[in-house]
């Protein structure tokens, strides 16, 4: 199991909308995450900075990376692009975080 941490950023005033959209996560998106080996997925929001901190456990990093090219993932990126910082292809601007400590 690989633990992955990353950060993204919301646009001002989009906190409630971001949470709403994730509370209504499409079943196809949930299925894709599991199909590509993702589990124990959590996203935290720092309300002062609007930085989102994500954590996910994946079975295989290479397999997980392939999930970015699925149609449902691209559709989700397009759906979320109006409320957060994105790249030209609508993928979220995401910065990987370096793990410095873990305790089971």
PDB file of N, CA and C in Angstrom:
ATOM      1  N   UNK A   1       0.842  -1.174   0.000  1.00  0.00           N
ATOM      2  CA  UNK A   1       0.000   0.000   0.000  1.00  0.00           C
ATOM      3  C   UNK A   1       0.892   1.244   0.000  1.00  0.00           C
ATOM      4  N   UNK A   2       0.556   2.200  -0.847  1.00  0.00           N
ATOM      5  CA  UNK A   2       1.302   3.456  -0.958  1.00  0.00           C
ATOM      6  C   UNK A   2       0.421   4.577  -0.414  1.00  0.00           C
ATOM      7  N   UNK A   3       0.965   5.362   0.508  1.00  0.00           N
ATOM      8  CA  UNK A   3       0.259   6.529   1.039  1.00  0.00           C
ATOM      9  C   UNK A   3       0.657   7.745   0.220  1.00  0.00           C
ATOM     10  N   UNK A   4      -0.332   8.497  -0.243  1.00  0.00           N
ATOM     11  CA  UNK A   4      -0.050   9.685  -1.051  1.00  0.00           C
ATOM     12  C   UNK A   4      -0.705  10.890  -0.381  1.00  0.00           C
ATOM     13  N   UNK A   5       0.059  11.954  -0.245  1.00  0.00           N
ATOM     14  CA  UNK A   5      -0.457  13.222   0.251  1.00  0.00           C
ATOM     15  C   UNK A   5      -0.224  14.289  -0.806  1.00  0.00           C
ATOM     16  N   UNK A   6      -1.159  15.225  -0.899  1.00  0.00           N
ATOM     17  CA  UNK A   6      -1.040  16.274  -1.903  1.00  0.00           C
ATOM     18  C   UNK A   6      -1.856  17.484  -1.454  1.00  0.00           C
ATOM     19  N   UNK A   7      -1.594  18.623  -2.110  1.00  0.00           N
ATOM     20  CA  UNK A   7      -2.372  19.816  -1.813  1.00  0.00           C
ATOM     21  C   UNK A   7      -2.871  20.453  -3.097  1.00  0.00           C
ATOM     22  N   UNK A   8      -4.032  21.116  -2.973  1.00  0.00           N
ATOM     23  CA  UNK A   8      -4.669  21.833  -4.076  1.00  0.00           C
ATOM     24  C   UNK A   8      -5.220  23.127  -3.474  1.00  0.00           C
ATOM     25  N   UNK A   9      -5.851  23.969  -4.292  1.00  0.00           N
ATOM     26  CA  UNK A   9      -6.352  25.230  -3.751  1.00  0.00           C
ATOM     27  C   UNK A   9      -7.698  25.600  -4.369  1.00  0.00           C
ATOM     28  N   UNK A  10      -8.599  26.044  -3.492  1.00  0.00           N
ATOM     29  CA  UNK A  10      -9.920  26.510  -3.906  1.00  0.00           C
ATOM     30  C   UNK A  10      -9.887  27.990  -4.241  1.00  0.00           C
ATOM     31  N   UNK A  11     -10.852  28.408  -5.053  1.00  0.00           N
ATOM     32  CA  UNK A  11     -11.084  29.830  -5.255  1.00  0.00           C
ATOM     33  C   UNK A  11     -11.878  30.364  -4.064  1.00  0.00           C
ATOM     34  N   UNK A  12     -11.694  31.633  -3.720  1.00  0.00           N
ATOM     35  CA  UNK A  12     -12.428  32.223  -2.586  1.00  0.00           C
ATOM     36  C   UNK A  12     -13.941  32.061  -2.752  1.00  0.00           C
ATOM     37  N   UNK A  13     -14.578  31.730  -1.637  1.00  0.00           N
ATOM     38  CA  UNK A  13     -16.023  31.598  -1.608  1.00  0.00           C
ATOM     39  C   UNK A  13     -16.552  30.265  -2.105  1.00  0.00           C
ATOM     40  N   UNK A  14     -15.685  29.337  -2.464  1.00  0.00           N
ATOM     41  CA  UNK A  14     -16.118  28.061  -3.044  1.00  0.00           C
ATOM     42  C   UNK A  14     -16.069  26.890  -2.059  1.00  0.00           C
ATOM     43  N   UNK A  15     -15.854  27.189  -0.791  1.00  0.00           N
ATOM     44  CA  UNK A  15     -15.724  26.131   0.202  1.00  0.00           C
ATOM     45  C   UNK A  15     -16.971  25.246   0.277  1.00  0.00           C
ATOM     46  N   UNK A  16     -18.130  25.862   0.423  1.00  0.00           N
ATOM     47  CA  UNK A  16     -19.376  25.093   0.553  1.00  0.00           C
ATOM     48  C   UNK A  16     -19.675  24.314  -0.718  1.00  0.00           C
ATOM     49  N   UNK A  17     -19.433  24.903  -1.869  1.00  0.00           N
ATOM     50  CA  UNK A  17     -19.704  24.221  -3.133  1.00  0.00           C
ATOM     51  C   UNK A  17     -18.789  23.015  -3.308  1.00  0.00           C
ATOM     52  N   UNK A  18     -17.520  23.158  -2.930  1.00  0.00           N
ATOM     53  CA  UNK A  18     -16.580  22.044  -3.026  1.00  0.00           C
ATOM     54  C   UNK A  18     -17.058  20.881  -2.161  1.00  0.00           C
ATOM     55  N   UNK A  19     -17.434  21.195  -0.939  1.00  0.00           N
ATOM     56  CA  UNK A  19     -17.904  20.154  -0.028  1.00  0.00           C
ATOM     57  C   UNK A  19     -19.188  19.510  -0.557  1.00  0.00           C
ATOM     58  N   UNK A  20     -20.107  20.314  -1.057  1.00  0.00           N
ATOM     59  CA  UNK A  20     -21.366  19.803  -1.609  1.00  0.00           C
ATOM     60  C   UNK A  20     -21.099  18.824  -2.748  1.00  0.00           C
ATOM     61  N   UNK A  21     -20.245  19.216  -3.673  1.00  0.00           N
ATOM     62  CA  UNK A  21     -19.961  18.353  -4.824  1.00  0.00           C
ATOM     63  C   UNK A  21     -19.344  17.023  -4.396  1.00  0.00           C
ATOM     64  N   UNK A  22     -18.500  17.053  -3.381  1.00  0.00           N
ATOM     65  CA  UNK A  22     -17.897  15.805  -2.915  1.00  0.00           C
ATOM     66  C   UNK A  22     -18.883  14.961  -2.108  1.00  0.00           C
ATOM     67  N   UNK A  23     -19.791  15.610  -1.402  1.00  0.00           N
ATOM     68  CA  UNK A  23     -20.829  14.858  -0.689  1.00  0.00           C
ATOM     69  C   UNK A  23     -21.771  14.169  -1.664  1.00  0.00           C
ATOM     70  N   UNK A  24     -21.843  14.675  -2.886  1.00  0.00           N
ATOM     71  CA  UNK A  24     -22.679  14.093  -3.937  1.00  0.00           C
ATOM     72  C   UNK A  24     -21.825  13.398  -5.003  1.00  0.00           C
ATOM     73  N   UNK A  25     -20.685  12.877  -4.596  1.00  0.00           N
ATOM     74  CA  UNK A  25     -19.752  12.245  -5.530  1.00  0.00           C
ATOM     75  C   UNK A  25     -20.475  11.230  -6.402  1.00  0.00           C
ATOM     76  N   UNK A  26     -20.245  11.335  -7.691  1.00  0.00           N
ATOM     77  CA  UNK A  26     -20.877  10.436  -8.645  1.00  0.00           C
ATOM     78  C   UNK A  26     -20.484   8.986  -8.353  1.00  0.00           C
ATOM     79  N   UNK A  27     -21.441   8.061  -8.414  1.00  0.00           N
ATOM     80  CA  UNK A  27     -21.104   6.642  -8.195  1.00  0.00           C
ATOM     81  C   UNK A  27     -20.028   6.140  -9.160  1.00  0.00           C
ATOM     82  N   UNK A  28     -20.043   6.629 -10.409  1.00  0.00           N
ATOM     83  CA  UNK A  28     -19.032   6.193 -11.380  1.00  0.00           C
ATOM     84  C   UNK A  28     -17.631   6.647 -10.969  1.00  0.00           C
ATOM     85  N   UNK A  29     -17.545   7.814 -10.339  1.00  0.00           N
ATOM     86  CA  UNK A  29     -16.253   8.318  -9.878  1.00  0.00           C
ATOM     87  C   UNK A  29     -15.770   7.483  -8.685  1.00  0.00           C
ATOM     88  N   UNK A  30     -16.670   7.183  -7.767  1.00  0.00           N
ATOM     89  CA  UNK A  30     -16.329   6.340  -6.621  1.00  0.00           C
ATOM     90  C   UNK A  30     -15.841   4.967  -7.108  1.00  0.00           C
ATOM     91  N   UNK A  31     -16.554   4.401  -8.079  1.00  0.00           N
ATOM     92  CA  UNK A  31     -16.166   3.091  -8.610  1.00  0.00           C
ATOM     93  C   UNK A  31     -14.794   3.146  -9.277  1.00  0.00           C
ATOM     94  N   UNK A  32     -14.526   4.215 -10.022  1.00  0.00           N
ATOM     95  CA  UNK A  32     -13.231   4.346 -10.693  1.00  0.00           C
ATOM     96  C   UNK A  32     -12.100   4.426  -9.667  1.00  0.00           C
ATOM     97  N   UNK A  33     -12.300   5.191  -8.616  1.00  0.00           N
ATOM     98  CA  UNK A  33     -11.267   5.313  -7.577  1.00  0.00           C
ATOM     99  C   UNK A  33     -10.933   3.932  -7.021  1.00  0.00           C
ATOM    100  N   UNK A  34     -11.953   3.158  -6.716  1.00  0.00           N
ATOM    101  CA  UNK A  34     -11.721   1.811  -6.183  1.00  0.00           C
ATOM    102  C   UNK A  34     -11.115   0.882  -7.233  1.00  0.00           C
ATOM    103  N   UNK A  35     -11.591   0.982  -8.469  1.00  0.00           N
ATOM    104  CA  UNK A  35     -11.082   0.132  -9.541  1.00  0.00           C
ATOM    105  C   UNK A  35      -9.578   0.329  -9.767  1.00  0.00           C
ATOM    106  N   UNK A  36      -9.108   1.559  -9.591  1.00  0.00           N
ATOM    107  CA  UNK A  36      -7.692   1.856  -9.802  1.00  0.00           C
ATOM    108  C   UNK A  36      -6.879   1.768  -8.511  1.00  0.00           C
ATOM    109  N   UNK A  37      -7.464   1.147  -7.475  1.00  0.00           N
ATOM    110  CA  UNK A  37      -6.708   0.824  -6.274  1.00  0.00           C
ATOM    111  C   UNK A  37      -6.705   1.874  -5.190  1.00  0.00           C
ATOM    112  N   UNK A  38      -7.574   2.881  -5.283  1.00  0.00           N
ATOM    113  CA  UNK A  38      -7.622   3.915  -4.257  1.00  0.00           C
ATOM    114  C   UNK A  38      -8.568   3.557  -3.133  1.00  0.00           C
ATOM    115  N   UNK A  39      -8.155   3.859  -1.909  1.00  0.00           N
ATOM    116  CA  UNK A  39      -9.025   3.674  -0.752  1.00  0.00           C
ATOM    117  C   UNK A  39      -8.585   4.622   0.360  1.00  0.00           C
ATOM    118  N   UNK A  40      -9.418   4.717   1.370  1.00  0.00           N
ATOM    119  CA  UNK A  40      -9.107   5.560   2.529  1.00  0.00           C
ATOM    120  C   UNK A  40      -8.760   6.985   2.086  1.00  0.00           C
ATOM    121  N   UNK A  41      -9.598   7.535   1.199  1.00  0.00           N
ATOM    122  CA  UNK A  41      -9.376   8.843   0.578  1.00  0.00           C
ATOM    123  C   UNK A  41     -10.015   9.921   1.452  1.00  0.00           C
ATOM    124  N   UNK A  42      -9.229  10.906   1.824  1.00  0.00           N
ATOM    125  CA  UNK A  42      -9.702  12.001   2.658  1.00  0.00           C
ATOM    126  C   UNK A  42      -9.148  13.308   2.117  1.00  0.00           C
ATOM    127  N   UNK A  43      -9.973  14.360   2.153  1.00  0.00           N
ATOM    128  CA  UNK A  43      -9.522  15.699   1.775  1.00  0.00           C
ATOM    129  C   UNK A  43      -9.873  16.636   2.919  1.00  0.00           C
ATOM    130  N   UNK A  44      -8.903  17.422   3.355  1.00  0.00           N
ATOM    131  CA  UNK A  44      -9.086  18.407   4.418  1.00  0.00           C
ATOM    132  C   UNK A  44      -8.965  19.804   3.823  1.00  0.00           C
ATOM    133  N   UNK A  45      -9.664  20.764   4.410  1.00  0.00           N
ATOM    134  CA  UNK A  45      -9.605  22.163   3.973  1.00  0.00           C
ATOM    135  C   UNK A  45      -9.055  23.038   5.085  1.00  0.00           C
ATOM    136  N   UNK A  46      -8.042  23.842   4.758  1.00  0.00           N
ATOM    137  CA  UNK A  46      -7.589  24.910   5.651  1.00  0.00           C
ATOM    138  C   UNK A  46      -8.401  26.143   5.283  1.00  0.00           C
ATOM    139  N   UNK A  47      -9.375  26.502   6.082  1.00  0.00           N
ATOM    140  CA  UNK A  47     -10.297  27.593   5.763  1.00  0.00           C
ATOM    141  C   UNK A  47      -9.600  28.953   5.678  1.00  0.00           C
ATOM    142  N   UNK A  48      -8.476  29.112   6.350  1.00  0.00           N
ATOM    143  CA  UNK A  48      -7.760  30.390   6.303  1.00  0.00           C
ATOM    144  C   UNK A  48      -7.047  30.606   4.983  1.00  0.00           C
ATOM    145  N   UNK A  49      -6.499  29.543   4.406  1.00  0.00           N
ATOM    146  CA  UNK A  49      -5.697  29.674   3.178  1.00  0.00           C
ATOM    147  C   UNK A  49      -6.402  29.129   1.939  1.00  0.00           C
ATOM    148  N   UNK A  50      -7.504  28.395   2.140  1.00  0.00           N
ATOM    149  CA  UNK A  50      -8.244  27.701   1.073  1.00  0.00           C
ATOM    150  C   UNK A  50      -7.428  26.588   0.426  1.00  0.00           C
ATOM    151  N   UNK A  51      -6.395  26.127   1.128  1.00  0.00           N
ATOM    152  CA  UNK A  51      -5.608  25.002   0.653  1.00  0.00           C
ATOM    153  C   UNK A  51      -6.309  23.707   1.072  1.00  0.00           C
ATOM    154  N   UNK A  52      -6.450  22.808   0.101  1.00  0.00           N
ATOM    155  CA  UNK A  52      -6.997  21.481   0.335  1.00  0.00           C
ATOM    156  C   UNK A  52      -5.836  20.508   0.500  1.00  0.00           C
ATOM    157  N   UNK A  53      -5.899  19.671   1.508  1.00  0.00           N
ATOM    158  CA  UNK A  53      -4.879  18.654   1.736  1.00  0.00           C
ATOM    159  C   UNK A  53      -5.524  17.291   1.544  1.00  0.00           C
ATOM    160  N   UNK A  54      -5.039  16.537   0.568  1.00  0.00           N
ATOM    161  CA  UNK A  54      -5.604  15.234   0.274  1.00  0.00           C
ATOM    162  C   UNK A  54      -4.705  14.117   0.757  1.00  0.00           C
ATOM    163  N   UNK A  55      -5.353  13.013   1.124  1.00  0.00           N
ATOM    164  CA  UNK A  55      -4.644  11.799   1.518  1.00  0.00           C
ATOM    165  C   UNK A  55      -5.380  10.626   0.893  1.00  0.00           C
ATOM    166  N   UNK A  56      -4.645   9.735   0.259  1.00  0.00           N
ATOM    167  CA  UNK A  56      -5.227   8.524  -0.296  1.00  0.00           C
ATOM    168  C   UNK A  56      -4.207   7.401  -0.200  1.00  0.00           C
ATOM    169  N   UNK A  57      -4.724   6.200  -0.009  1.00  0.00           N
ATOM    170  CA  UNK A  57      -3.887   5.010  -0.058  1.00  0.00           C
ATOM    171  C   UNK A  57      -4.180   4.312  -1.374  1.00  0.00           C
ATOM    172  N   UNK A  58      -3.134   3.934  -2.093  1.00  0.00           N
ATOM    173  CA  UNK A  58      -3.294   3.252  -3.375  1.00  0.00           C
ATOM    174  C   UNK A  58      -2.501   1.947  -3.359  1.00  0.00           C
ATOM    175  N   UNK A  59      -3.022   0.982  -4.097  1.00  0.00           N
ATOM    176  CA  UNK A  59      -2.360  -0.320  -4.170  1.00  0.00           C
ATOM    177  C   UNK A  59      -1.064  -0.248  -4.969  1.00  0.00           C
ATOM    178  N   UNK A  60      -1.074   0.558  -6.034  1.00  0.00           N
ATOM    179  CA  UNK A  60       0.065   0.629  -6.947  1.00  0.00           C
ATOM    180  C   UNK A  60       0.090   2.028  -7.562  1.00  0.00           C
ATOM    181  N   UNK A  61       1.171   2.748  -7.401  1.00  0.00           N
ATOM    182  CA  UNK A  61       1.252   4.129  -7.898  1.00  0.00           C
ATOM    183  C   UNK A  61       1.080   4.220  -9.408  1.00  0.00           C
ATOM    184  N   UNK A  62       1.670   3.293 -10.154  1.00  0.00           N
ATOM    185  CA  UNK A  62       1.565   3.331 -11.619  1.00  0.00           C
ATOM    186  C   UNK A  62       0.116   3.119 -12.057  1.00  0.00           C
ATOM    187  N   UNK A  63      -0.553   2.168 -11.434  1.00  0.00           N
ATOM    188  CA  UNK A  63      -1.957   1.923 -11.770  1.00  0.00           C
ATOM    189  C   UNK A  63      -2.799   3.147 -11.416  1.00  0.00           C
ATOM    190  N   UNK A  64      -2.549   3.728 -10.253  1.00  0.00           N
ATOM    191  CA  UNK A  64      -3.289   4.911  -9.832  1.00  0.00           C
ATOM    192  C   UNK A  64      -3.093   6.061 -10.828  1.00  0.00           C
ATOM    193  N   UNK A  65      -1.872   6.244 -11.295  1.00  0.00           N
ATOM    194  CA  UNK A  65      -1.584   7.309 -12.256  1.00  0.00           C
ATOM    195  C   UNK A  65      -2.406   7.152 -13.536  1.00  0.00           C
ATOM    196  N   UNK A  66      -2.710   5.911 -13.909  1.00  0.00           N
ATOM    197  CA  UNK A  66      -3.516   5.658 -15.104  1.00  0.00           C
ATOM    198  C   UNK A  66      -4.952   6.168 -14.955  1.00  0.00           C
ATOM    199  N   UNK A  67      -5.432   6.311 -13.732  1.00  0.00           N
ATOM    200  CA  UNK A  67      -6.812   6.761 -13.508  1.00  0.00           C
ATOM    201  C   UNK A  67      -7.045   8.175 -14.030  1.00  0.00           C
ATOM    202  N   UNK A  68      -5.994   8.960 -14.154  1.00  0.00           N
ATOM    203  CA  UNK A  68      -6.128  10.332 -14.654  1.00  0.00           C
ATOM    204  C   UNK A  68      -6.660  10.364 -16.082  1.00  0.00           C
ATOM    205  N   UNK A  69      -6.409   9.321 -16.843  1.00  0.00           N
ATOM    206  CA  UNK A  69      -6.814   9.288 -18.248  1.00  0.00           C
ATOM    207  C   UNK A  69      -8.180   8.652 -18.491  1.00  0.00           C
ATOM    208  N   UNK A  70      -8.912   8.340 -17.433  1.00  0.00           N
ATOM    209  CA  UNK A  70     -10.242   7.768 -17.627  1.00  0.00           C
ATOM    210  C   UNK A  70     -11.237   8.873 -17.984  1.00  0.00           C
ATOM    211  N   UNK A  71     -12.254   8.510 -18.737  1.00  0.00           N
ATOM    212  CA  UNK A  71     -13.275   9.485 -19.147  1.00  0.00           C
ATOM    213  C   UNK A  71     -13.984  10.094 -17.950  1.00  0.00           C
ATOM    214  N   UNK A  72     -14.288   9.275 -16.940  1.00  0.00           N
ATOM    215  CA  UNK A  72     -15.014   9.796 -15.779  1.00  0.00           C
ATOM    216  C   UNK A  72     -14.144  10.770 -14.992  1.00  0.00           C
ATOM    217  N   UNK A  73     -12.857  10.501 -14.912  1.00  0.00           N
ATOM    218  CA  UNK A  73     -11.975  11.423 -14.203  1.00  0.00           C
ATOM    219  C   UNK A  73     -11.872  12.764 -14.934  1.00  0.00           C
ATOM    220  N   UNK A  74     -11.742  12.716 -16.259  1.00  0.00           N
ATOM    221  CA  UNK A  74     -11.687  13.955 -17.060  1.00  0.00           C
ATOM    222  C   UNK A  74     -12.989  14.745 -16.912  1.00  0.00           C
ATOM    223  N   UNK A  75     -14.116  14.038 -16.869  1.00  0.00           N
ATOM    224  CA  UNK A  75     -15.416  14.700 -16.687  1.00  0.00           C
ATOM    225  C   UNK A  75     -15.473  15.372 -15.309  1.00  0.00           C
ATOM    226  N   UNK A  76     -14.946  14.689 -14.281  1.00  0.00           N
ATOM    227  CA  UNK A  76     -14.912  15.267 -12.926  1.00  0.00           C
ATOM    228  C   UNK A  76     -14.039  16.511 -12.899  1.00  0.00           C
ATOM    229  N   UNK A  77     -12.875  16.456 -13.540  1.00  0.00           N
ATOM    230  CA  UNK A  77     -12.012  17.640 -13.593  1.00  0.00           C
ATOM    231  C   UNK A  77     -12.746  18.817 -14.226  1.00  0.00           C
ATOM    232  N   UNK A  78     -13.441  18.570 -15.329  1.00  0.00           N
ATOM    233  CA  UNK A  78     -14.194  19.645 -15.989  1.00  0.00           C
ATOM    234  C   UNK A  78     -15.262  20.206 -15.059  1.00  0.00           C
ATOM    235  N   UNK A  79     -15.930  19.331 -14.321  1.00  0.00           N
ATOM    236  CA  UNK A  79     -16.984  19.717 -13.392  1.00  0.00           C
ATOM    237  C   UNK A  79     -16.440  20.582 -12.253  1.00  0.00           C
ATOM    238  N   UNK A  80     -15.213  20.332 -11.822  1.00  0.00           N
ATOM    239  CA  UNK A  80     -14.632  21.036 -10.675  1.00  0.00           C
ATOM    240  C   UNK A  80     -13.826  22.273 -11.071  1.00  0.00           C
ATOM    241  N   UNK A  81     -13.556  22.473 -12.347  1.00  0.00           N
ATOM    242  CA  UNK A  81     -12.634  23.526 -12.794  1.00  0.00           C
ATOM    243  C   UNK A  81     -13.078  24.936 -12.441  1.00  0.00           C
ATOM    244  N   UNK A  82     -14.371  25.169 -12.264  1.00  0.00           N
ATOM    245  CA  UNK A  82     -14.830  26.525 -11.977  1.00  0.00           C
ATOM    246  C   UNK A  82     -14.663  26.932 -10.522  1.00  0.00           C
ATOM    247  N   UNK A  83     -14.266  25.998  -9.652  1.00  0.00           N
ATOM    248  CA  UNK A  83     -14.182  26.348  -8.228  1.00  0.00           C
ATOM    249  C   UNK A  83     -12.791  26.195  -7.620  1.00  0.00           C
ATOM    250  N   UNK A  84     -11.815  25.771  -8.439  1.00  0.00           N
ATOM    251  CA  UNK A  84     -10.466  25.580  -7.895  1.00  0.00           C
ATOM    252  C   UNK A  84      -9.403  25.853  -8.948  1.00  0.00           C
ATOM    253  N   UNK A  85      -8.169  26.026  -8.491  1.00  0.00           N
ATOM    254  CA  UNK A  85      -7.066  26.264  -9.403  1.00  0.00           C
ATOM    255  C   UNK A  85      -6.832  25.013 -10.248  1.00  0.00           C
ATOM    256  N   UNK A  86      -6.728  25.222 -11.575  1.00  0.00           N
ATOM    257  CA  UNK A  86      -6.541  24.096 -12.486  1.00  0.00           C
ATOM    258  C   UNK A  86      -5.455  24.393 -13.512  1.00  0.00           C
ATOM    259  N   UNK A  87      -4.989  23.332 -14.125  1.00  0.00           N
ATOM    260  CA  UNK A  87      -4.062  23.400 -15.245  1.00  0.00           C
ATOM    261  C   UNK A  87      -4.867  23.591 -16.532  1.00  0.00           C
ATOM    262  N   UNK A  88      -4.198  23.855 -17.660  1.00  0.00           N
ATOM    263  CA  UNK A  88      -4.921  24.048 -18.920  1.00  0.00           C
ATOM    264  C   UNK A  88      -5.847  22.888 -19.325  1.00  0.00           C
ATOM    265  N   UNK A  89      -5.544  21.662 -18.885  1.00  0.00           N
ATOM    266  CA  UNK A  89      -6.408  20.518 -19.217  1.00  0.00           C
ATOM    267  C   UNK A  89      -7.519  20.296 -18.180  1.00  0.00           C
ATOM    268  N   UNK A  90      -7.700  21.264 -17.285  1.00  0.00           N
ATOM    269  CA  UNK A  90      -8.679  21.242 -16.192  1.00  0.00           C
ATOM    270  C   UNK A  90      -8.310  20.316 -15.041  1.00  0.00           C
ATOM    271  N   UNK A  91      -7.168  19.653 -15.098  1.00  0.00           N
ATOM    272  CA  UNK A  91      -6.724  18.885 -13.929  1.00  0.00           C
ATOM    273  C   UNK A  91      -6.411  19.883 -12.817  1.00  0.00           C
ATOM    274  N   UNK A  92      -6.669  19.494 -11.567  1.00  0.00           N
ATOM    275  CA  UNK A  92      -6.363  20.422 -10.480  1.00  0.00           C
ATOM    276  C   UNK A  92      -4.857  20.663 -10.372  1.00  0.00           C
ATOM    277  N   UNK A  93      -4.492  21.899 -10.068  1.00  0.00           N
ATOM    278  CA  UNK A  93      -3.101  22.165  -9.721  1.00  0.00           C
ATOM    279  C   UNK A  93      -2.869  21.423  -8.408  1.00  0.00           C
ATOM    280  N   UNK A  94      -2.004  20.433  -8.445  1.00  0.00           N
ATOM    281  CA  UNK A  94      -1.790  19.552  -7.302  1.00  0.00           C
ATOM    282  C   UNK A  94      -0.300  19.404  -7.047  1.00  0.00           C
ATOM    283  N   UNK A  95       0.078  19.561  -5.793  1.00  0.00           N
ATOM    284  CA  UNK A  95       1.478  19.441  -5.400  1.00  0.00           C
ATOM    285  C   UNK A  95       1.594  18.257  -4.453  1.00  0.00           C
ATOM    286  N   UNK A  96       2.436  17.290  -4.805  1.00  0.00           N
ATOM    287  CA  UNK A  96       2.652  16.141  -3.928  1.00  0.00           C
ATOM    288  C   UNK A  96       3.348  16.600  -2.658  1.00  0.00           C
ATOM    289  N   UNK A  97       2.968  15.978  -1.541  1.00  0.00           N
ATOM    290  CA  UNK A  97       3.572  16.277  -0.249  1.00  0.00           C
ATOM    291  C   UNK A  97       4.526  15.136   0.122  1.00  0.00           C
ATOM    292  N   UNK A  98       5.596  15.488   0.790  1.00  0.00           N
ATOM    293  CA  UNK A  98       6.610  14.529   1.202  1.00  0.00           C
ATOM    294  C   UNK A  98       6.246  13.997   2.601  1.00  0.00           C
ATOM    295  N   UNK A  99       6.093  12.697   2.712  1.00  0.00           N
ATOM    296  CA  UNK A  99       5.775  12.093   4.012  1.00  0.00           C
ATOM    297  C   UNK A  99       7.001  12.152   4.917  1.00  0.00           C
ATOM    298  N   UNK A 100       6.816  12.668   6.120  1.00  0.00           N
ATOM    299  CA  UNK A 100       7.927  12.754   7.069  1.00  0.00           C
ATOM    300  C   UNK A 100       7.687  11.911   8.326  1.00  0.00           C
ATOM    301  N   UNK A 101       6.444  11.444   8.527  1.00  0.00           N
ATOM    302  CA  UNK A 101       6.159  10.620   9.693  1.00  0.00           C
ATOM    303  C   UNK A 101       4.881   9.851   9.462  1.00  0.00           C
ATOM    304  N   UNK A 102       4.863   8.603   9.948  1.00  0.00           N
ATOM    305  CA  UNK A 102       3.656   7.773   9.902  1.00  0.00           C
ATOM    306  C   UNK A 102       3.668   6.847  11.105  1.00  0.00           C
ATOM    307  N   UNK A 103       2.508   6.663  11.728  1.00  0.00           N
ATOM    308  CA  UNK A 103       2.357   5.741  12.843  1.00  0.00           C
ATOM    309  C   UNK A 103       1.039   5.006  12.677  1.00  0.00           C
ATOM    310  N   UNK A 104       1.083   3.675  12.646  1.00  0.00           N
ATOM    311  CA  UNK A 104      -0.143   2.865  12.609  1.00  0.00           C
ATOM    312  C   UNK A 104      -0.676   2.706  14.009  1.00  0.00           C
TER     313      UNK A 104
END
